[in-house]
Amino acid sequence: MGWKVIFSKTSRADLFHIASYIAKDDPLTAKRFANNLLSRAESLATAPKMGVIYQRDGTARYIVHRSYLIIYDLEEKRQEIVVHRFWHGAQSTRPKLP
């Protein structure tokens, strides 16, 4: 059985904004892309350490889906993955994490 994947309030807001932006041009593509981002994040449940370390001094990791970073932390004792952000790689500065 895999780890539990939890989406933070901020990551849910990120996903909403991403889908809303894409939906201006193509609602069906927006829905498909948002579902693909969610599926990619949920794939962490079976391989939680597949991501790259996000910051040298932190514990956060990230995986990539197309142009987006999926930034997350591992809660080892509870076997939970907390997805903090869905972040577009072209944005100038990476987000600070809690």
Foldseek 3Di string as FASTA:
>chain_A
DFFAEAEDPAAVVQLVVQLVVCVVPPNVVSVVVSVVVVVVSVVCRHPVPPFDDDDPPDQWGWDDDDQWTFIWHAPVVRRYIYTYHTGGNPDDDDDDGD
